[in-house]
Amino acid sequence: MANVVRAALVQATWTGDTESMLAKHEEHAREAARRGAKVIGFQEVFNAPYFCQVQDPEHYRWAEPVPDGPTVHRMRELARETGMVIVVPVFEVEQSGYYYNTAAVIDADGTVLGKYRKHHIPQVKGFWEKFYFRPGNLGWPVFDTAVGKVGVYICYDRHFPEGWRQLGINGAQLVYNPSATHRGLSSHLWRLEQPAAAVANEYFVAAINRVGVEEYGDNDFYGTSYFVDPRGQFVGDVASDSKEELVVRDLDFDLIEEVRQQWAFYRDRRPDAYEGLVRP
C-alpha cells in the first residue's frame, strides 16, 4: 500500500489585523481537513503583515512567545480539532531583546514538537530583517510527526544549500519553506531553488509565498506556492500569482526511498572532503 500523505499549504493576503488573519487561516485549515489533508503549513510570520519592509520599533508589537504565546496556543487547539500537523511561522520573543523569525511545529494531537528559528537573516531594501531578528540558534531539527518526518527552512534560508542538506541528513521527508518574496527581486529563482533542493536532498518541499501588496511597502508578493517532489517535479499545479489560495496535494512518500536508491546521492556524499566549506 502506497505511503501517501495528503498535505496542504496556504498563501494568503494580509487582512489588516491579527484576529481576522488567524480566523482566515483557521477556516483554510478546516477546509483542508475536510478535503482529507493531514498536514498544513502557513506563510512566513503568517499572523502579521510583512513589517520588515520598514525599520520601525513599533513592529516589535507583533512578537510573542513560542510555544506559550496566544497564536501557538490557538493553533494547538486547531490541530486537535482538525487532527492535522500544523507548521506555524511567527515573530518570536524569547526574552527582552531576543527576537527570532520562528516556526513552531504542532503535531496532530496538539503537542508542540518544537520550533525552528531562521538562520540566515537578510538586510536589503524591502527586507530589513536584521533590525528585528537574531540569527537562529536551534540547528535544523526534523520533527517526528503523525505524518512523518517534517522540517522547516524559512524564506531567505532557501538560498543556502547547507541547511537543506542538514535537514536531509537529519531524516526529513517533507520540508516546509514559508516565505515572503516579491516580484523582480528573486522571482526567477522561485521555481528553481526549491525544486533543486528537493532533487539534491531527495525529499518533498512545500514552498509558500505571500500574495498581494501590503501597507508597509511596495513589495508585490507573487504567490505561486507549490509542492515539489524528490525528482524536482511540481505536484499538481503551481498556485496563482495574484490570489489567495489553499493548495492540497497527495505526496507519495514511497517515492523518497525509490529516488534515494536510484540516484544514491547520500551514498556518494564526501563529508571527509568538505572541510573547507565551513571555514570562516
C-alpha atoms as a PDB file:
ATOM      1  CA  MET A   1       0.000   0.000   0.000  1.00  0.00           C
ATOM      2  CA  ALA A   2       1.415   3.374  -1.006  1.00  0.00           C
ATOM      3  CA  ASN A   3       2.515   5.709   1.763  1.00  0.00           C
ATOM      4  CA  VAL A   4       0.576   8.752   0.554  1.00  0.00           C
ATOM      5  CA  VAL A   5       0.331  11.882   2.713  1.00  0.00           C
ATOM      6  CA  ARG A   6      -2.261  14.492   1.794  1.00  0.00           C
ATOM      7  CA  ALA A   7      -0.589  17.825   2.542  1.00  0.00           C
ATOM      8  CA  ALA A   8      -1.731  21.437   2.375  1.00  0.00           C
ATOM      9  CA  LEU A   9      -0.341  24.952   2.331  1.00  0.00           C
ATOM     10  CA  VAL A  10      -1.899  28.406   2.391  1.00  0.00           C
ATOM     11  CA  GLN A  11      -0.778  31.511   0.504  1.00  0.00           C
ATOM     12  CA  ALA A  12      -2.716  34.429   1.946  1.00  0.00           C
ATOM     13  CA  THR A  13      -3.355  38.130   1.580  1.00  0.00           C
ATOM     14  CA  TRP A  14      -2.963  40.360   4.635  1.00  0.00           C
ATOM     15  CA  THR A  15      -6.309  41.264   6.180  1.00  0.00           C
ATOM     16  CA  GLY A  16      -5.234  44.269   8.234  1.00  0.00           C
ATOM     17  CA  ASP A  17      -5.291  42.736  11.715  1.00  0.00           C
ATOM     18  CA  THR A  18      -4.131  39.628  13.527  1.00  0.00           C
ATOM     19  CA  GLU A  19      -7.535  38.396  14.673  1.00  0.00           C
ATOM     20  CA  SER A  20      -9.018  38.204  11.187  1.00  0.00           C
ATOM     21  CA  MET A  21      -5.773  36.733   9.836  1.00  0.00           C
ATOM     22  CA  LEU A  22      -5.933  33.936  12.410  1.00  0.00           C
ATOM     23  CA  ALA A  23      -9.622  33.319  11.708  1.00  0.00           C
ATOM     24  CA  LYS A  24      -8.973  33.115   7.973  1.00  0.00           C
ATOM     25  CA  HIS A  25      -6.185  30.567   8.411  1.00  0.00           C
ATOM     26  CA  GLU A  26      -8.325  28.526  10.777  1.00  0.00           C
ATOM     27  CA  GLU A  27     -11.010  28.280   8.111  1.00  0.00           C
ATOM     28  CA  HIS A  28      -8.463  27.321   5.461  1.00  0.00           C
ATOM     29  CA  ALA A  29      -7.196  24.596   7.796  1.00  0.00           C
ATOM     30  CA  ARG A  30     -10.713  23.304   8.421  1.00  0.00           C
ATOM     31  CA  GLU A  31     -11.340  23.196   4.674  1.00  0.00           C
ATOM     32  CA  ALA A  32      -8.041  21.338   4.153  1.00  0.00           C
ATOM     33  CA  ALA A  33      -9.099  18.827   6.802  1.00  0.00           C
ATOM     34  CA  ARG A  34     -12.471  18.388   5.100  1.00  0.00           C
ATOM     35  CA  ARG A  35     -10.515  17.594   1.937  1.00  0.00           C
ATOM     36  CA  GLY A  36      -8.513  14.965   3.790  1.00  0.00           C
ATOM     37  CA  ALA A  37      -5.260  16.820   4.490  1.00  0.00           C
ATOM     38  CA  LYS A  38      -3.178  15.589   7.409  1.00  0.00           C
ATOM     39  CA  VAL A  39      -0.539  18.354   7.477  1.00  0.00           C
ATOM     40  CA  ILE A  40      -0.667  22.063   6.661  1.00  0.00           C
ATOM     41  CA  GLY A  41       1.797  24.939   6.660  1.00  0.00           C
ATOM     42  CA  PHE A  42       1.341  28.720   6.663  1.00  0.00           C
ATOM     43  CA  GLN A  43       3.469  31.564   5.233  1.00  0.00           C
ATOM     44  CA  GLU A  44       6.275  33.467   6.970  1.00  0.00           C
ATOM     45  CA  VAL A  45       5.009  35.435  10.033  1.00  0.00           C
ATOM     46  CA  PHE A  46       1.557  34.391   8.903  1.00  0.00           C
ATOM     47  CA  ASN A  47      -0.402  36.244  11.597  1.00  0.00           C
ATOM     48  CA  ALA A  48       1.119  39.649  10.774  1.00  0.00           C
ATOM     49  CA  PRO A  49       1.963  41.820   7.788  1.00  0.00           C
ATOM     50  CA  TYR A  50       5.469  41.547   6.370  1.00  0.00           C
ATOM     51  CA  PHE A  51       6.582  44.507   8.503  1.00  0.00           C
ATOM     52  CA  CYS A  52      10.260  44.041   7.558  1.00  0.00           C
ATOM     53  CA  GLN A  53       9.698  46.330   4.567  1.00  0.00           C
ATOM     54  CA  VAL A  54      10.406  49.115   7.094  1.00  0.00           C
ATOM     55  CA  GLN A  55      12.601  49.550  10.162  1.00  0.00           C
ATOM     56  CA  ASP A  56      10.381  50.768  12.966  1.00  0.00           C
ATOM     57  CA  PRO A  57      10.326  49.694  16.642  1.00  0.00           C
ATOM     58  CA  GLU A  58       6.519  49.758  16.603  1.00  0.00           C
ATOM     59  CA  HIS A  59       6.605  46.374  14.862  1.00  0.00           C
ATOM     60  CA  TYR A  60       8.035  44.580  17.870  1.00  0.00           C
ATOM     61  CA  ARG A  61       4.384  44.512  18.949  1.00  0.00           C
ATOM     62  CA  TRP A  62       3.809  41.547  16.647  1.00  0.00           C
ATOM     63  CA  ALA A  63       6.207  39.364  18.658  1.00  0.00           C
ATOM     64  CA  GLU A  64       5.031  36.712  21.109  1.00  0.00           C
ATOM     65  CA  PRO A  65       6.498  33.748  22.999  1.00  0.00           C
ATOM     66  CA  VAL A  66       6.782  30.331  21.375  1.00  0.00           C
ATOM     67  CA  PRO A  67       5.262  27.966  22.386  1.00  0.00           C
ATOM     68  CA  ASP A  68       3.480  29.818  25.204  1.00  0.00           C
ATOM     69  CA  GLY A  69       2.048  32.739  23.226  1.00  0.00           C
ATOM     70  CA  PRO A  70      -1.552  33.189  22.094  1.00  0.00           C
ATOM     71  CA  THR A  71      -1.076  32.222  18.433  1.00  0.00           C
ATOM     72  CA  VAL A  72       0.602  28.897  19.092  1.00  0.00           C
ATOM     73  CA  HIS A  73      -1.963  28.161  21.810  1.00  0.00           C
ATOM     74  CA  ARG A  74      -4.772  28.796  19.323  1.00  0.00           C
ATOM     75  CA  MET A  75      -3.073  26.667  16.649  1.00  0.00           C
ATOM     76  CA  ARG A  76      -2.712  23.812  19.156  1.00  0.00           C
ATOM     77  CA  GLU A  77      -6.476  23.861  19.581  1.00  0.00           C
ATOM     78  CA  LEU A  78      -6.872  23.891  15.809  1.00  0.00           C
ATOM     79  CA  ALA A  79      -4.573  20.889  15.451  1.00  0.00           C
ATOM     80  CA  ARG A  80      -6.645  18.952  17.998  1.00  0.00           C
ATOM     81  CA  GLU A  81      -9.858  19.951  16.240  1.00  0.00           C
ATOM     82  CA  THR A  82      -8.719  19.016  12.727  1.00  0.00           C
ATOM     83  CA  GLY A  83      -6.309  16.169  13.502  1.00  0.00           C
ATOM     84  CA  MET A  84      -3.668  17.841  11.346  1.00  0.00           C
ATOM     85  CA  VAL A  85       0.019  18.587  11.842  1.00  0.00           C
ATOM     86  CA  ILE A  86       0.445  22.387  11.573  1.00  0.00           C
ATOM     87  CA  VAL A  87       3.565  24.435  10.748  1.00  0.00           C
ATOM     88  CA  VAL A  88       3.103  27.858  12.386  1.00  0.00           C
ATOM     89  CA  PRO A  89       5.546  30.672  11.432  1.00  0.00           C
ATOM     90  CA  VAL A  90       5.516  33.657  13.825  1.00  0.00           C
ATOM     91  CA  PHE A  91       7.660  36.504  15.197  1.00  0.00           C
ATOM     92  CA  GLU A  92       9.079  35.083  18.432  1.00  0.00           C
ATOM     93  CA  VAL A  93      10.244  36.924  21.536  1.00  0.00           C
ATOM     94  CA  GLU A  94      12.313  34.696  23.813  1.00  0.00           C
ATOM     95  CA  GLN A  95      13.117  37.389  26.380  1.00  0.00           C
ATOM     96  CA  SER A  96      13.648  41.137  26.316  1.00  0.00           C
ATOM     97  CA  GLY A  97      15.894  41.952  23.349  1.00  0.00           C
ATOM     98  CA  TYR A  98      15.902  38.410  21.952  1.00  0.00           C
ATOM     99  CA  TYR A  99      13.713  38.108  18.881  1.00  0.00           C
ATOM    100  CA  TYR A 100      13.609  35.404  16.195  1.00  0.00           C
ATOM    101  CA  ASN A 101      11.842  34.551  12.945  1.00  0.00           C
ATOM    102  CA  THR A 102      10.413  31.226  14.058  1.00  0.00           C
ATOM    103  CA  ALA A 103       8.125  28.380  13.057  1.00  0.00           C
ATOM    104  CA  ALA A 104       6.521  26.088  15.632  1.00  0.00           C
ATOM    105  CA  VAL A 105       5.642  22.541  14.579  1.00  0.00           C
ATOM    106  CA  ILE A 106       2.487  21.182  16.201  1.00  0.00           C
ATOM    107  CA  ASP A 107       1.535  17.516  15.998  1.00  0.00           C
ATOM    108  CA  ALA A 108      -1.945  16.280  15.102  1.00  0.00           C
ATOM    109  CA  ASP A 109      -2.879  15.905  18.788  1.00  0.00           C
ATOM    110  CA  GLY A 110      -1.924  19.500  19.621  1.00  0.00           C
ATOM    111  CA  THR A 111       1.502  18.693  21.067  1.00  0.00           C
ATOM    112  CA  VAL A 112       4.168  21.282  20.295  1.00  0.00           C
ATOM    113  CA  LEU A 113       7.048  19.187  18.997  1.00  0.00           C
ATOM    114  CA  GLY A 114       9.482  22.086  18.853  1.00  0.00           C
ATOM    115  CA  LYS A 115      10.464  25.053  16.745  1.00  0.00           C
ATOM    116  CA  TYR A 116      12.843  26.161  14.021  1.00  0.00           C
ATOM    117  CA  ARG A 117      14.492  29.596  14.026  1.00  0.00           C
ATOM    118  CA  LYS A 118      15.530  31.145  10.714  1.00  0.00           C
ATOM    119  CA  HIS A 119      19.300  31.036  10.354  1.00  0.00           C
ATOM    120  CA  HIS A 120      20.006  33.435   7.501  1.00  0.00           C
ATOM    121  CA  ILE A 121      18.728  36.974   8.085  1.00  0.00           C
ATOM    122  CA  PRO A 122      18.644  39.408   5.132  1.00  0.00           C
ATOM    123  CA  GLN A 123      19.245  43.148   5.375  1.00  0.00           C
ATOM    124  CA  VAL A 124      18.462  44.685   1.982  1.00  0.00           C
ATOM    125  CA  LYS A 125      15.878  47.150   0.691  1.00  0.00           C
ATOM    126  CA  GLY A 126      12.382  45.877   1.469  1.00  0.00           C
ATOM    127  CA  PHE A 127      13.724  43.083   3.685  1.00  0.00           C
ATOM    128  CA  TRP A 128      15.218  44.805   6.741  1.00  0.00           C
ATOM    129  CA  GLU A 129      15.134  41.691   8.896  1.00  0.00           C
ATOM    130  CA  LYS A 130      18.331  42.232  10.893  1.00  0.00           C
ATOM    131  CA  PHE A 131      16.557  45.183  12.505  1.00  0.00           C
ATOM    132  CA  TYR A 132      14.181  42.693  14.141  1.00  0.00           C
ATOM    133  CA  PHE A 133      15.630  39.171  14.247  1.00  0.00           C
ATOM    134  CA  ARG A 134      18.631  37.425  15.731  1.00  0.00           C
ATOM    135  CA  PRO A 135      20.046  34.517  13.664  1.00  0.00           C
ATOM    136  CA  GLY A 136      18.562  31.149  14.523  1.00  0.00           C
ATOM    137  CA  ASN A 137      20.420  29.042  17.070  1.00  0.00           C
ATOM    138  CA  LEU A 138      18.478  25.771  17.278  1.00  0.00           C
ATOM    139  CA  GLY A 139      20.084  23.925  14.372  1.00  0.00           C
ATOM    140  CA  TRP A 140      17.987  22.168  11.744  1.00  0.00           C
ATOM    141  CA  PRO A 141      15.559  19.991  13.693  1.00  0.00           C
ATOM    142  CA  VAL A 142      13.392  17.401  11.974  1.00  0.00           C
ATOM    143  CA  PHE A 143      10.172  16.598  13.810  1.00  0.00           C
ATOM    144  CA  ASP A 144       8.696  13.107  14.042  1.00  0.00           C
ATOM    145  CA  THR A 145       5.045  13.946  13.359  1.00  0.00           C
ATOM    146  CA  ALA A 146       1.881  11.944  12.780  1.00  0.00           C
ATOM    147  CA  VAL A 147       2.515  12.141   9.010  1.00  0.00           C
ATOM    148  CA  GLY A 148       6.252  11.519   9.007  1.00  0.00           C
ATOM    149  CA  LYS A 149       9.458  13.499   9.438  1.00  0.00           C
ATOM    150  CA  VAL A 150       8.879  17.220   8.831  1.00  0.00           C
ATOM    151  CA  GLY A 151      11.448  20.026   8.723  1.00  0.00           C
ATOM    152  CA  VAL A 152      11.283  23.789   8.203  1.00  0.00           C
ATOM    153  CA  TYR A 153      13.524  26.249   6.327  1.00  0.00           C
ATOM    154  CA  ILE A 154      12.342  29.887   6.246  1.00  0.00           C
ATOM    155  CA  CYS A 155      12.370  32.225   3.210  1.00  0.00           C
ATOM    156  CA  TYR A 156      15.911  33.657   2.716  1.00  0.00           C
ATOM    157  CA  ASP A 157      17.311  30.387   4.093  1.00  0.00           C
ATOM    158  CA  ARG A 158      16.394  28.790   0.787  1.00  0.00           C
ATOM    159  CA  HIS A 159      19.363  30.464  -0.942  1.00  0.00           C
ATOM    160  CA  PHE A 160      21.795  28.491   1.256  1.00  0.00           C
ATOM    161  CA  PRO A 161      22.182  24.789   0.361  1.00  0.00           C
ATOM    162  CA  GLU A 162      23.805  23.778   3.636  1.00  0.00           C
ATOM    163  CA  GLY A 163      20.608  23.831   5.681  1.00  0.00           C
ATOM    164  CA  TRP A 164      18.649  21.928   3.050  1.00  0.00           C
ATOM    165  CA  ARG A 165      21.320  19.222   3.211  1.00  0.00           C
ATOM    166  CA  GLN A 166      21.354  19.095   7.014  1.00  0.00           C
ATOM    167  CA  LEU A 167      17.581  18.630   7.052  1.00  0.00           C
ATOM    168  CA  GLY A 168      18.025  15.691   4.686  1.00  0.00           C
ATOM    169  CA  ILE A 169      20.788  14.181   6.788  1.00  0.00           C
ATOM    170  CA  ASN A 170      18.504  14.593   9.806  1.00  0.00           C
ATOM    171  CA  GLY A 171      15.860  12.489   8.072  1.00  0.00           C
ATOM    172  CA  ALA A 172      13.362  14.973   6.612  1.00  0.00           C
ATOM    173  CA  GLN A 173      10.715  13.618   4.265  1.00  0.00           C
ATOM    174  CA  LEU A 174       8.878  16.925   3.829  1.00  0.00           C
ATOM    175  CA  VAL A 175      10.317  20.419   4.337  1.00  0.00           C
ATOM    176  CA  TYR A 176       8.053  23.451   4.572  1.00  0.00           C
ATOM    177  CA  ASN A 177       9.623  26.687   3.298  1.00  0.00           C
ATOM    178  CA  PRO A 178       7.387  29.594   4.404  1.00  0.00           C
ATOM    179  CA  SER A 179       8.412  32.770   2.598  1.00  0.00           C
ATOM    180  CA  ALA A 180       7.701  36.406   1.721  1.00  0.00           C
ATOM    181  CA  THR A 181       9.292  37.283  -1.618  1.00  0.00           C
ATOM    182  CA  HIS A 182       8.273  39.833  -4.225  1.00  0.00           C
ATOM    183  CA  ARG A 183       8.299  40.305  -7.981  1.00  0.00           C
ATOM    184  CA  GLY A 184      11.516  41.432  -9.585  1.00  0.00           C
ATOM    185  CA  LEU A 185      13.864  40.538  -6.749  1.00  0.00           C
ATOM    186  CA  SER A 186      14.097  36.768  -6.936  1.00  0.00           C
ATOM    187  CA  SER A 187      11.042  35.554  -8.835  1.00  0.00           C
ATOM    188  CA  HIS A 188      13.251  33.895 -11.433  1.00  0.00           C
ATOM    189  CA  LEU A 189      14.773  31.818  -8.619  1.00  0.00           C
ATOM    190  CA  TRP A 190      11.463  30.812  -7.044  1.00  0.00           C
ATOM    191  CA  ARG A 191      10.815  27.888  -9.388  1.00  0.00           C
ATOM    192  CA  LEU A 192      14.485  26.866  -9.440  1.00  0.00           C
ATOM    193  CA  GLU A 193      15.833  26.744  -5.903  1.00  0.00           C
ATOM    194  CA  GLN A 194      13.267  24.644  -4.060  1.00  0.00           C
ATOM    195  CA  PRO A 195      12.972  22.018  -6.840  1.00  0.00           C
ATOM    196  CA  ALA A 196      16.775  21.881  -6.944  1.00  0.00           C
ATOM    197  CA  ALA A 197      16.880  21.413  -3.169  1.00  0.00           C
ATOM    198  CA  ALA A 198      14.243  18.677  -3.400  1.00  0.00           C
ATOM    199  CA  VAL A 199      16.355  16.870  -6.001  1.00  0.00           C
ATOM    200  CA  ALA A 200      19.701  17.318  -4.253  1.00  0.00           C
ATOM    201  CA  ASN A 201      18.327  16.120  -0.921  1.00  0.00           C
ATOM    202  CA  GLU A 202      15.662  13.714  -2.182  1.00  0.00           C
ATOM    203  CA  TYR A 203      12.613  14.808  -0.228  1.00  0.00           C
ATOM    204  CA  PHE A 204       9.406  16.796  -0.759  1.00  0.00           C
ATOM    205  CA  VAL A 205       9.361  20.584  -0.393  1.00  0.00           C
ATOM    206  CA  ALA A 206       6.362  22.841   0.253  1.00  0.00           C
ATOM    207  CA  ALA A 207       7.229  26.333  -0.997  1.00  0.00           C
ATOM    208  CA  ILE A 208       4.861  29.004   0.375  1.00  0.00           C
ATOM    209  CA  ASN A 209       4.820  32.672  -0.622  1.00  0.00           C
ATOM    210  CA  ARG A 210       2.579  35.516   0.474  1.00  0.00           C
ATOM    211  CA  VAL A 211       0.389  37.209  -2.125  1.00  0.00           C
ATOM    212  CA  GLY A 212      -0.520  40.853  -2.745  1.00  0.00           C
ATOM    213  CA  VAL A 213       0.722  44.309  -1.752  1.00  0.00           C
ATOM    214  CA  GLU A 214       0.648  45.244   1.945  1.00  0.00           C
ATOM    215  CA  GLU A 215       0.527  48.522   3.846  1.00  0.00           C
ATOM    216  CA  TYR A 216       4.185  48.863   4.883  1.00  0.00           C
ATOM    217  CA  GLY A 217       5.869  48.965   1.484  1.00  0.00           C
ATOM    218  CA  ASP A 218       5.762  48.357  -2.246  1.00  0.00           C
ATOM    219  CA  ASN A 219       6.670  44.661  -2.232  1.00  0.00           C
ATOM    220  CA  ASP A 220       4.285  42.774  -4.515  1.00  0.00           C
ATOM    221  CA  PHE A 221       4.240  39.240  -3.136  1.00  0.00           C
ATOM    222  CA  TYR A 222       3.559  36.918  -6.040  1.00  0.00           C
ATOM    223  CA  GLY A 223       2.266  33.708  -4.504  1.00  0.00           C
ATOM    224  CA  THR A 224       2.891  30.803  -6.938  1.00  0.00           C
ATOM    225  CA  SER A 225       3.218  28.437  -3.976  1.00  0.00           C
ATOM    226  CA  TYR A 226       3.683  24.754  -4.707  1.00  0.00           C
ATOM    227  CA  PHE A 227       4.691  21.279  -3.638  1.00  0.00           C
ATOM    228  CA  VAL A 228       7.644  19.663  -5.393  1.00  0.00           C
ATOM    229  CA  ASP A 229       8.701  16.008  -5.265  1.00  0.00           C
ATOM    230  CA  PRO A 230      12.162  14.390  -4.875  1.00  0.00           C
ATOM    231  CA  ARG A 231      12.564  14.324  -8.654  1.00  0.00           C
ATOM    232  CA  GLY A 232      12.081  18.093  -8.829  1.00  0.00           C
ATOM    233  CA  GLN A 233       8.625  17.844 -10.391  1.00  0.00           C
ATOM    234  CA  PHE A 234       5.720  20.015  -9.262  1.00  0.00           C
ATOM    235  CA  VAL A 235       2.944  18.032  -7.585  1.00  0.00           C
ATOM    236  CA  GLY A 236      -0.104  19.383  -9.357  1.00  0.00           C
ATOM    237  CA  ASP A 237      -0.368  22.980 -10.480  1.00  0.00           C
ATOM    238  CA  VAL A 238       1.501  25.940  -9.049  1.00  0.00           C
ATOM    239  CA  ALA A 239      -0.804  28.360  -7.191  1.00  0.00           C
ATOM    240  CA  SER A 240      -1.991  31.733  -8.507  1.00  0.00           C
ATOM    241  CA  ASP A 241       0.431  34.661  -8.683  1.00  0.00           C
ATOM    242  CA  SER A 242      -2.233  37.146  -7.578  1.00  0.00           C
ATOM    243  CA  LYS A 243      -4.884  35.465  -5.435  1.00  0.00           C
ATOM    244  CA  GLU A 244      -5.118  33.802  -2.073  1.00  0.00           C
ATOM    245  CA  GLU A 245      -5.215  30.032  -2.350  1.00  0.00           C
ATOM    246  CA  LEU A 246      -5.363  26.823  -0.358  1.00  0.00           C
ATOM    247  CA  VAL A 247      -3.276  24.139  -2.057  1.00  0.00           C
ATOM    248  CA  VAL A 248      -3.907  20.456  -1.214  1.00  0.00           C
ATOM    249  CA  ARG A 249      -1.808  17.706  -2.790  1.00  0.00           C
ATOM    250  CA  ASP A 250      -1.121  13.984  -2.345  1.00  0.00           C
ATOM    251  CA  LEU A 251       2.555  13.249  -1.664  1.00  0.00           C
ATOM    252  CA  ASP A 252       3.759   9.691  -2.207  1.00  0.00           C
ATOM    253  CA  PHE A 253       6.439   9.286   0.455  1.00  0.00           C
ATOM    254  CA  ASP A 254       7.447   5.950  -1.076  1.00  0.00           C
ATOM    255  CA  LEU A 255       8.999   7.998  -3.881  1.00  0.00           C
ATOM    256  CA  ILE A 256      11.642   9.246  -1.437  1.00  0.00           C
ATOM    257  CA  GLU A 257      13.182   5.803  -0.934  1.00  0.00           C
ATOM    258  CA  GLU A 258      12.786   4.982  -4.623  1.00  0.00           C
ATOM    259  CA  VAL A 259      14.742   8.077  -5.645  1.00  0.00           C
ATOM    260  CA  ARG A 260      17.391   7.592  -2.966  1.00  0.00           C
ATOM    261  CA  GLN A 261      18.032   4.066  -4.201  1.00  0.00           C
ATOM    262  CA  GLN A 262      18.077   5.165  -7.836  1.00  0.00           C
ATOM    263  CA  TRP A 263      20.204   8.300  -7.556  1.00  0.00           C
ATOM    264  CA  ALA A 264      22.156   7.368  -4.389  1.00  0.00           C
ATOM    265  CA  PHE A 265      23.252  10.911  -3.594  1.00  0.00           C
ATOM    266  CA  TYR A 266      23.564  10.163   0.116  1.00  0.00           C
ATOM    267  CA  ARG A 267      25.754   7.144  -0.596  1.00  0.00           C
ATOM    268  CA  ASP A 268      28.115   9.249  -2.675  1.00  0.00           C
ATOM    269  CA  ARG A 269      28.476  12.214  -0.338  1.00  0.00           C
ATOM    270  CA  ARG A 270      32.087  13.067   0.646  1.00  0.00           C
ATOM    271  CA  PRO A 271      31.933  14.811   4.034  1.00  0.00           C
ATOM    272  CA  ASP A 272      35.613  13.910   4.531  1.00  0.00           C
ATOM    273  CA  ALA A 273      36.403  16.289   1.647  1.00  0.00           C
ATOM    274  CA  TYR A 274      34.163  19.184   2.678  1.00  0.00           C
ATOM    275  CA  GLU A 275      36.198  20.728   5.492  1.00  0.00           C
ATOM    276  CA  GLY A 276      36.778  23.915   3.535  1.00  0.00           C
ATOM    277  CA  LEU A 277      33.075  24.624   3.316  1.00  0.00           C
ATOM    278  CA  VAL A 278      32.855  25.557   6.989  1.00  0.00           C
ATOM    279  CA  ARG A 279      35.944  27.749   7.234  1.00  0.00           C
ATOM    280  CA  PRO A 280      35.049  31.382   8.026  1.00  0.00           C
END
